[in-house]
Amino acid sequence: MQSAIDALVYVVDDDASVRDALAWLLRSRRLTSEVFDSAEAFQRHLERGAALDQPRCLLLDVRMPGLSGLALFDWLIERRLQLAMPVIFLTGHADVATAVDAVKRGAFDFCEKPCYDNALVDRVQQALAQSQAFLQTDRRKGLLRERQEELTERERDVMRLVVDGLPNKLIADRLDISVRTVEVHRARVFDKMDVKSAVELANLLRLAP
């Protein structure tokens, strides 16, 4: 995983003592945190365009005045933000069943208060590792889309048939073009997609959304 300085942990809880304790705990393990006293404050932070281009996770209280943690989680799901920013719920004993349900809907985990120990930080680091893996895959998909946009329509036709395993002669017959033209298009596809073989091309395209 990237170094701690490149990762960020958000803490959203209306209790100042909880925020302070968690910030101290994370700092003791060389993790950077940003704290928010309400779900609304954190929501505004994201709406202002907070970058999500580094590993991040969210420690989120279930019950808060105004917008609840669960309502914020639903908002994150609608925008698919929980994929890049895994959510760990902080819950009281009475809310454990609710937190378990949230995990079934995509939350990373939950921790029953008080949870100011290294076990929580271990889960935070695992959530950050998941965030990093998602971001890396997302970047690869973005690069793949950019490469595909550089292909001409005919090059895309040839690429699909190459991936299907057809030899140049059959591709030429299928597209009603010469074998030499297929060879030229095939070479251009490999160059633009930055691959050396049909197998490598097929493996690359499996990343396509």
C-alpha atoms as a PDB file:
ATOM      1  CA  MET A   1       0.000   0.000   0.000  1.00  0.00           C
ATOM      2  CA  GLN A   2       1.065   3.604  -0.432  1.00  0.00           C
ATOM      3  CA  SER A   3       2.751   5.338   2.480  1.00  0.00           C
ATOM      4  CA  ALA A   4       0.531   6.674   5.227  1.00  0.00           C
ATOM      5  CA  ILE A   5       0.975  10.267   4.097  1.00  0.00           C
ATOM      6  CA  ASP A   6      -0.750   9.430   0.794  1.00  0.00           C
ATOM      7  CA  ALA A   7      -3.856   8.024   2.500  1.00  0.00           C
ATOM      8  CA  LEU A   8      -6.626   9.846   4.311  1.00  0.00           C
ATOM      9  CA  VAL A   9      -9.183   8.736   6.889  1.00  0.00           C
ATOM     10  CA  TYR A  10     -12.383  10.748   7.312  1.00  0.00           C
ATOM     11  CA  VAL A  11     -14.029  10.693  10.737  1.00  0.00           C
ATOM     12  CA  VAL A  12     -17.674  11.775  10.944  1.00  0.00           C
ATOM     13  CA  ASP A  13     -19.156  11.820  14.457  1.00  0.00           C
ATOM     14  CA  ASP A  14     -21.155  14.415  16.406  1.00  0.00           C
ATOM     15  CA  ASP A  15     -19.274  13.609  19.639  1.00  0.00           C
ATOM     16  CA  ALA A  16     -16.138  15.760  19.964  1.00  0.00           C
ATOM     17  CA  SER A  17     -14.496  13.309  22.380  1.00  0.00           C
ATOM     18  CA  VAL A  18     -14.922  10.496  19.860  1.00  0.00           C
ATOM     19  CA  ARG A  19     -13.470  12.606  17.057  1.00  0.00           C
ATOM     20  CA  ASP A  20     -10.480  13.598  19.185  1.00  0.00           C
ATOM     21  CA  ALA A  21      -9.832  10.033  20.356  1.00  0.00           C
ATOM     22  CA  LEU A  22      -9.974   8.615  16.848  1.00  0.00           C
ATOM     23  CA  ALA A  23      -7.796  11.376  15.398  1.00  0.00           C
ATOM     24  CA  TRP A  24      -5.188  10.694  18.089  1.00  0.00           C
ATOM     25  CA  LEU A  25      -5.346   6.932  17.526  1.00  0.00           C
ATOM     26  CA  LEU A  26      -4.905   7.310  13.778  1.00  0.00           C
ATOM     27  CA  ARG A  27      -2.085   9.792  14.238  1.00  0.00           C
ATOM     28  CA  SER A  28      -0.307   7.316  16.524  1.00  0.00           C
ATOM     29  CA  ARG A  29      -0.240   4.888  13.587  1.00  0.00           C
ATOM     30  CA  ARG A  30       0.934   7.581  11.150  1.00  0.00           C
ATOM     31  CA  LEU A  31      -2.434   7.926   9.432  1.00  0.00           C
ATOM     32  CA  THR A  32      -3.746  11.333   8.407  1.00  0.00           C
ATOM     33  CA  SER A  33      -7.361  12.128   9.287  1.00  0.00           C
ATOM     34  CA  GLU A  34      -9.933  14.852   8.704  1.00  0.00           C
ATOM     35  CA  VAL A  35     -12.817  15.126  11.180  1.00  0.00           C
ATOM     36  CA  PHE A  36     -16.377  16.379  10.703  1.00  0.00           C
ATOM     37  CA  ASP A  37     -19.015  16.982  13.365  1.00  0.00           C
ATOM     38  CA  SER A  38     -22.005  16.066  11.184  1.00  0.00           C
ATOM     39  CA  ALA A  39     -22.989  14.121   8.109  1.00  0.00           C
ATOM     40  CA  GLU A  40     -24.124  17.383   6.507  1.00  0.00           C
ATOM     41  CA  ALA A  41     -20.674  18.948   6.958  1.00  0.00           C
ATOM     42  CA  PHE A  42     -19.000  15.962   5.343  1.00  0.00           C
ATOM     43  CA  GLN A  43     -21.539  15.905   2.526  1.00  0.00           C
ATOM     44  CA  ARG A  44     -20.822  19.575   1.795  1.00  0.00           C
ATOM     45  CA  HIS A  45     -17.108  18.794   1.765  1.00  0.00           C
ATOM     46  CA  LEU A  46     -17.621  16.169  -0.935  1.00  0.00           C
ATOM     47  CA  GLU A  47     -20.015  18.354  -2.910  1.00  0.00           C
ATOM     48  CA  ARG A  48     -17.393  21.095  -3.042  1.00  0.00           C
ATOM     49  CA  GLY A  49     -15.298  18.710  -5.088  1.00  0.00           C
ATOM     50  CA  ALA A  50     -13.047  16.920  -2.616  1.00  0.00           C
ATOM     51  CA  ALA A  51     -10.578  14.863  -4.646  1.00  0.00           C
ATOM     52  CA  LEU A  52     -10.880  11.101  -4.367  1.00  0.00           C
ATOM     53  CA  ASP A  53      -7.661  10.267  -6.183  1.00  0.00           C
ATOM     54  CA  GLN A  54      -5.827   8.797  -3.200  1.00  0.00           C
ATOM     55  CA  PRO A  55      -6.690   5.914  -0.855  1.00  0.00           C
ATOM     56  CA  ARG A  56      -9.411   7.027   1.580  1.00  0.00           C
ATOM     57  CA  CYS A  57     -11.885   5.507   3.968  1.00  0.00           C
ATOM     58  CA  LEU A  58     -14.654   6.807   6.200  1.00  0.00           C
ATOM     59  CA  LEU A  59     -15.317   6.173   9.895  1.00  0.00           C
ATOM     60  CA  LEU A  60     -18.996   7.024  10.181  1.00  0.00           C
ATOM     61  CA  ASP A  61     -21.250   7.205  13.232  1.00  0.00           C
ATOM     62  CA  VAL A  62     -24.613   5.501  12.739  1.00  0.00           C
ATOM     63  CA  ARG A  63     -26.712   7.886  14.843  1.00  0.00           C
ATOM     64  CA  MET A  64     -26.310  11.664  14.567  1.00  0.00           C
ATOM     65  CA  PRO A  65     -28.676  14.625  14.802  1.00  0.00           C
ATOM     66  CA  GLY A  66     -29.997  15.731  11.430  1.00  0.00           C
ATOM     67  CA  LEU A  67     -28.716  13.565   8.591  1.00  0.00           C
ATOM     68  CA  SER A  68     -27.910  10.130  10.023  1.00  0.00           C
ATOM     69  CA  GLY A  69     -24.899   8.037   9.119  1.00  0.00           C
ATOM     70  CA  LEU A  70     -27.159   5.588   7.328  1.00  0.00           C
ATOM     71  CA  ALA A  71     -28.737   8.359   5.249  1.00  0.00           C
ATOM     72  CA  LEU A  72     -25.280   9.613   4.312  1.00  0.00           C
ATOM     73  CA  PHE A  73     -24.287   6.061   3.380  1.00  0.00           C
ATOM     74  CA  ASP A  74     -27.300   5.837   1.051  1.00  0.00           C
ATOM     75  CA  TRP A  75     -26.200   9.132  -0.534  1.00  0.00           C
ATOM     76  CA  LEU A  76     -22.702   7.739  -1.062  1.00  0.00           C
ATOM     77  CA  ILE A  77     -24.103   4.549  -2.632  1.00  0.00           C
ATOM     78  CA  GLU A  78     -26.193   6.585  -5.092  1.00  0.00           C
ATOM     79  CA  ARG A  79     -22.979   8.265  -6.277  1.00  0.00           C
ATOM     80  CA  ARG A  80     -20.886   5.076  -6.065  1.00  0.00           C
ATOM     81  CA  LEU A  81     -18.488   6.907  -3.744  1.00  0.00           C
ATOM     82  CA  GLN A  82     -18.361   4.030  -1.246  1.00  0.00           C
ATOM     83  CA  LEU A  83     -16.371   2.039  -3.810  1.00  0.00           C
ATOM     84  CA  ALA A  84     -13.392   4.396  -3.717  1.00  0.00           C
ATOM     85  CA  MET A  85     -13.963   5.282  -0.064  1.00  0.00           C
ATOM     86  CA  PRO A  86     -14.882   2.198   2.032  1.00  0.00           C
ATOM     87  CA  VAL A  87     -17.126   2.937   5.020  1.00  0.00           C
ATOM     88  CA  ILE A  88     -16.599   1.598   8.542  1.00  0.00           C
ATOM     89  CA  PHE A  89     -19.582   2.327  10.769  1.00  0.00           C
ATOM     90  CA  LEU A  90     -19.154   3.322  14.415  1.00  0.00           C
ATOM     91  CA  THR A  91     -22.100   1.996  16.357  1.00  0.00           C
ATOM     92  CA  GLY A  92     -23.539   1.648  19.822  1.00  0.00           C
ATOM     93  CA  HIS A  93     -24.748  -1.736  21.044  1.00  0.00           C
ATOM     94  CA  ALA A  94     -28.362  -0.962  20.123  1.00  0.00           C
ATOM     95  CA  ASP A  95     -27.386  -0.304  16.494  1.00  0.00           C
ATOM     96  CA  VAL A  96     -25.372  -3.457  15.783  1.00  0.00           C
ATOM     97  CA  ALA A  97     -28.151  -5.084  13.739  1.00  0.00           C
ATOM     98  CA  THR A  98     -28.480  -1.891  11.687  1.00  0.00           C
ATOM     99  CA  ALA A  99     -24.735  -1.823  11.078  1.00  0.00           C
ATOM    100  CA  VAL A 100     -24.740  -5.484  10.015  1.00  0.00           C
ATOM    101  CA  ASP A 101     -27.440  -4.655   7.470  1.00  0.00           C
ATOM    102  CA  ALA A 102     -25.304  -1.771   6.182  1.00  0.00           C
ATOM    103  CA  VAL A 103     -22.390  -4.176   5.678  1.00  0.00           C
ATOM    104  CA  LYS A 104     -24.684  -6.395   3.603  1.00  0.00           C
ATOM    105  CA  ARG A 105     -25.418  -3.338   1.453  1.00  0.00           C
ATOM    106  CA  GLY A 106     -21.764  -2.584   0.846  1.00  0.00           C
ATOM    107  CA  ALA A 107     -20.235  -1.041   3.958  1.00  0.00           C
ATOM    108  CA  PHE A 108     -16.722  -2.307   4.633  1.00  0.00           C
ATOM    109  CA  ASP A 109     -17.283  -3.131   8.318  1.00  0.00           C
ATOM    110  CA  PHE A 110     -18.627  -1.809  11.615  1.00  0.00           C
ATOM    111  CA  CYS A 111     -17.078  -1.288  15.027  1.00  0.00           C
ATOM    112  CA  GLU A 112     -18.994  -1.192  18.285  1.00  0.00           C
ATOM    113  CA  LYS A 113     -18.119   1.765  20.521  1.00  0.00           C
ATOM    114  CA  PRO A 114     -15.849   2.277  22.321  1.00  0.00           C
ATOM    115  CA  CYS A 115     -13.415   1.162  19.649  1.00  0.00           C
ATOM    116  CA  TYR A 116     -10.288   3.205  20.122  1.00  0.00           C
ATOM    117  CA  ASP A 117      -7.703   0.443  19.708  1.00  0.00           C
ATOM    118  CA  ASN A 118      -5.302  -1.054  17.212  1.00  0.00           C
ATOM    119  CA  ALA A 119      -7.874  -3.551  15.950  1.00  0.00           C
ATOM    120  CA  LEU A 120      -9.847  -0.655  14.489  1.00  0.00           C
ATOM    121  CA  VAL A 121      -6.746   0.825  12.874  1.00  0.00           C
ATOM    122  CA  ASP A 122      -5.949  -2.558  11.342  1.00  0.00           C
ATOM    123  CA  ARG A 123      -9.381  -2.564   9.701  1.00  0.00           C
ATOM    124  CA  VAL A 124      -8.840   1.031   8.574  1.00  0.00           C
ATOM    125  CA  GLN A 125      -5.591   0.013   6.879  1.00  0.00           C
ATOM    126  CA  GLN A 126      -7.371  -2.875   5.170  1.00  0.00           C
ATOM    127  CA  ALA A 127     -10.079  -0.465   3.970  1.00  0.00           C
ATOM    128  CA  LEU A 128      -7.386   1.872   2.622  1.00  0.00           C
ATOM    129  CA  ALA A 129      -5.775  -1.053   0.787  1.00  0.00           C
ATOM    130  CA  GLN A 130      -9.161  -1.833  -0.798  1.00  0.00           C
ATOM    131  CA  SER A 131      -9.541   1.816  -1.760  1.00  0.00           C
ATOM    132  CA  GLN A 132      -6.114   1.808  -3.381  1.00  0.00           C
ATOM    133  CA  ALA A 133      -6.903  -1.358  -5.353  1.00  0.00           C
ATOM    134  CA  PHE A 134     -10.160   0.179  -6.599  1.00  0.00           C
ATOM    135  CA  LEU A 135      -8.436   3.404  -7.654  1.00  0.00           C
ATOM    136  CA  GLN A 136      -5.711   1.522  -9.510  1.00  0.00           C
ATOM    137  CA  THR A 137      -8.290  -0.536 -11.403  1.00  0.00           C
ATOM    138  CA  ASP A 138     -10.321   2.595 -12.145  1.00  0.00           C
ATOM    139  CA  ARG A 139      -7.235   4.348 -13.539  1.00  0.00           C
ATOM    140  CA  ARG A 140      -6.455   1.359 -15.753  1.00  0.00           C
ATOM    141  CA  LYS A 141     -10.032   1.401 -17.052  1.00  0.00           C
ATOM    142  CA  GLY A 142      -9.725   5.123 -17.787  1.00  0.00           C
ATOM    143  CA  LEU A 143      -6.494   4.565 -19.712  1.00  0.00           C
ATOM    144  CA  LEU A 144      -8.109   1.697 -21.607  1.00  0.00           C
ATOM    145  CA  ARG A 145     -11.058   3.918 -22.615  1.00  0.00           C
ATOM    146  CA  GLU A 146      -8.630   6.590 -23.845  1.00  0.00           C
ATOM    147  CA  ARG A 147      -6.758   4.054 -25.957  1.00  0.00           C
ATOM    148  CA  GLN A 148      -9.978   2.667 -27.443  1.00  0.00           C
ATOM    149  CA  GLU A 149     -11.118   6.168 -28.397  1.00  0.00           C
ATOM    150  CA  GLU A 150      -7.995   6.506 -30.549  1.00  0.00           C
ATOM    151  CA  LEU A 151      -9.040   3.546 -32.713  1.00  0.00           C
ATOM    152  CA  THR A 152     -10.829   4.067 -36.021  1.00  0.00           C
ATOM    153  CA  GLU A 153     -14.094   2.234 -36.648  1.00  0.00           C
ATOM    154  CA  ARG A 154     -12.324  -0.264 -38.933  1.00  0.00           C
ATOM    155  CA  GLU A 155      -9.577  -0.840 -36.363  1.00  0.00           C
ATOM    156  CA  ARG A 156     -12.251  -1.617 -33.778  1.00  0.00           C
ATOM    157  CA  ASP A 157     -13.824  -4.129 -36.178  1.00  0.00           C
ATOM    158  CA  VAL A 158     -10.476  -5.836 -36.652  1.00  0.00           C
ATOM    159  CA  MET A 159      -9.755  -5.742 -32.904  1.00  0.00           C
ATOM    160  CA  ARG A 160     -13.025  -7.515 -32.045  1.00  0.00           C
ATOM    161  CA  LEU A 161     -12.276 -10.309 -34.520  1.00  0.00           C
ATOM    162  CA  VAL A 162      -8.662 -10.621 -33.362  1.00  0.00           C
ATOM    163  CA  VAL A 163      -9.882 -11.025 -29.787  1.00  0.00           C
ATOM    164  CA  ASP A 164     -12.357 -13.659 -31.009  1.00  0.00           C
ATOM    165  CA  GLY A 165      -9.336 -15.632 -32.193  1.00  0.00           C
ATOM    166  CA  LEU A 166      -9.845 -15.355 -35.955  1.00  0.00           C
ATOM    167  CA  PRO A 167      -6.737 -15.531 -38.193  1.00  0.00           C
ATOM    168  CA  ASN A 168      -6.015 -12.699 -40.604  1.00  0.00           C
ATOM    169  CA  LYS A 169      -7.440 -14.588 -43.624  1.00  0.00           C
ATOM    170  CA  LEU A 170     -10.836 -15.109 -41.964  1.00  0.00           C
ATOM    171  CA  ILE A 171     -10.892 -11.523 -40.709  1.00  0.00           C
ATOM    172  CA  ALA A 172     -10.227 -10.351 -44.268  1.00  0.00           C
ATOM    173  CA  ASP A 173     -13.074 -12.509 -45.586  1.00  0.00           C
ATOM    174  CA  ARG A 174     -15.439 -11.359 -42.815  1.00  0.00           C
ATOM    175  CA  LEU A 175     -14.734  -7.650 -43.419  1.00  0.00           C
ATOM    176  CA  ASP A 176     -14.308  -7.968 -47.203  1.00  0.00           C
ATOM    177  CA  ILE A 177     -10.831  -6.444 -47.177  1.00  0.00           C
ATOM    178  CA  SER A 178      -7.397  -7.744 -48.130  1.00  0.00           C
ATOM    179  CA  VAL A 179      -5.174  -9.730 -45.787  1.00  0.00           C
ATOM    180  CA  ARG A 180      -2.542  -6.999 -46.109  1.00  0.00           C
ATOM    181  CA  THR A 181      -5.072  -4.410 -44.937  1.00  0.00           C
ATOM    182  CA  VAL A 182      -5.949  -6.611 -41.969  1.00  0.00           C
ATOM    183  CA  GLU A 183      -2.245  -6.851 -41.101  1.00  0.00           C
ATOM    184  CA  VAL A 184      -1.910  -3.062 -41.193  1.00  0.00           C
ATOM    185  CA  HIS A 185      -4.988  -2.526 -39.001  1.00  0.00           C
ATOM    186  CA  ARG A 186      -3.890  -5.264 -36.617  1.00  0.00           C
ATOM    187  CA  ALA A 187      -0.472  -3.650 -36.204  1.00  0.00           C
ATOM    188  CA  ARG A 188      -2.063  -0.264 -35.549  1.00  0.00           C
ATOM    189  CA  VAL A 189      -4.430  -1.760 -32.962  1.00  0.00           C
ATOM    190  CA  PHE A 190      -1.543  -3.406 -31.131  1.00  0.00           C
ATOM    191  CA  ASP A 191       0.423  -0.149 -31.221  1.00  0.00           C
ATOM    192  CA  LYS A 192      -2.452   2.048 -29.990  1.00  0.00           C
ATOM    193  CA  MET A 193      -3.490  -0.433 -27.312  1.00  0.00           C
ATOM    194  CA  ASP A 194       0.168  -0.933 -26.324  1.00  0.00           C
ATOM    195  CA  VAL A 195       0.103  -4.744 -26.502  1.00  0.00           C
ATOM    196  CA  LYS A 196       2.299  -7.331 -28.178  1.00  0.00           C
ATOM    197  CA  SER A 197      -0.158 -10.184 -28.806  1.00  0.00           C
ATOM    198  CA  ALA A 198      -3.807 -11.093 -29.223  1.00  0.00           C
ATOM    199  CA  VAL A 199      -3.763 -12.794 -25.818  1.00  0.00           C
ATOM    200  CA  GLU A 200      -2.427  -9.644 -24.147  1.00  0.00           C
ATOM    201  CA  LEU A 201      -5.082  -7.610 -25.966  1.00  0.00           C
ATOM    202  CA  ALA A 202      -7.864  -9.931 -24.803  1.00  0.00           C
ATOM    203  CA  ASN A 203      -6.634  -9.784 -21.207  1.00  0.00           C
ATOM    204  CA  LEU A 204      -6.522  -5.979 -21.389  1.00  0.00           C
ATOM    205  CA  LEU A 205     -10.066  -5.720 -22.733  1.00  0.00           C
ATOM    206  CA  ARG A 206     -11.400  -7.725 -19.804  1.00  0.00           C
ATOM    207  CA  LEU A 207     -10.953  -4.521 -17.810  1.00  0.00           C
ATOM    208  CA  ALA A 208     -13.434  -2.733 -20.064  1.00  0.00           C
ATOM    209  CA  PRO A 209     -16.588  -1.659 -18.157  1.00  0.00           C
END
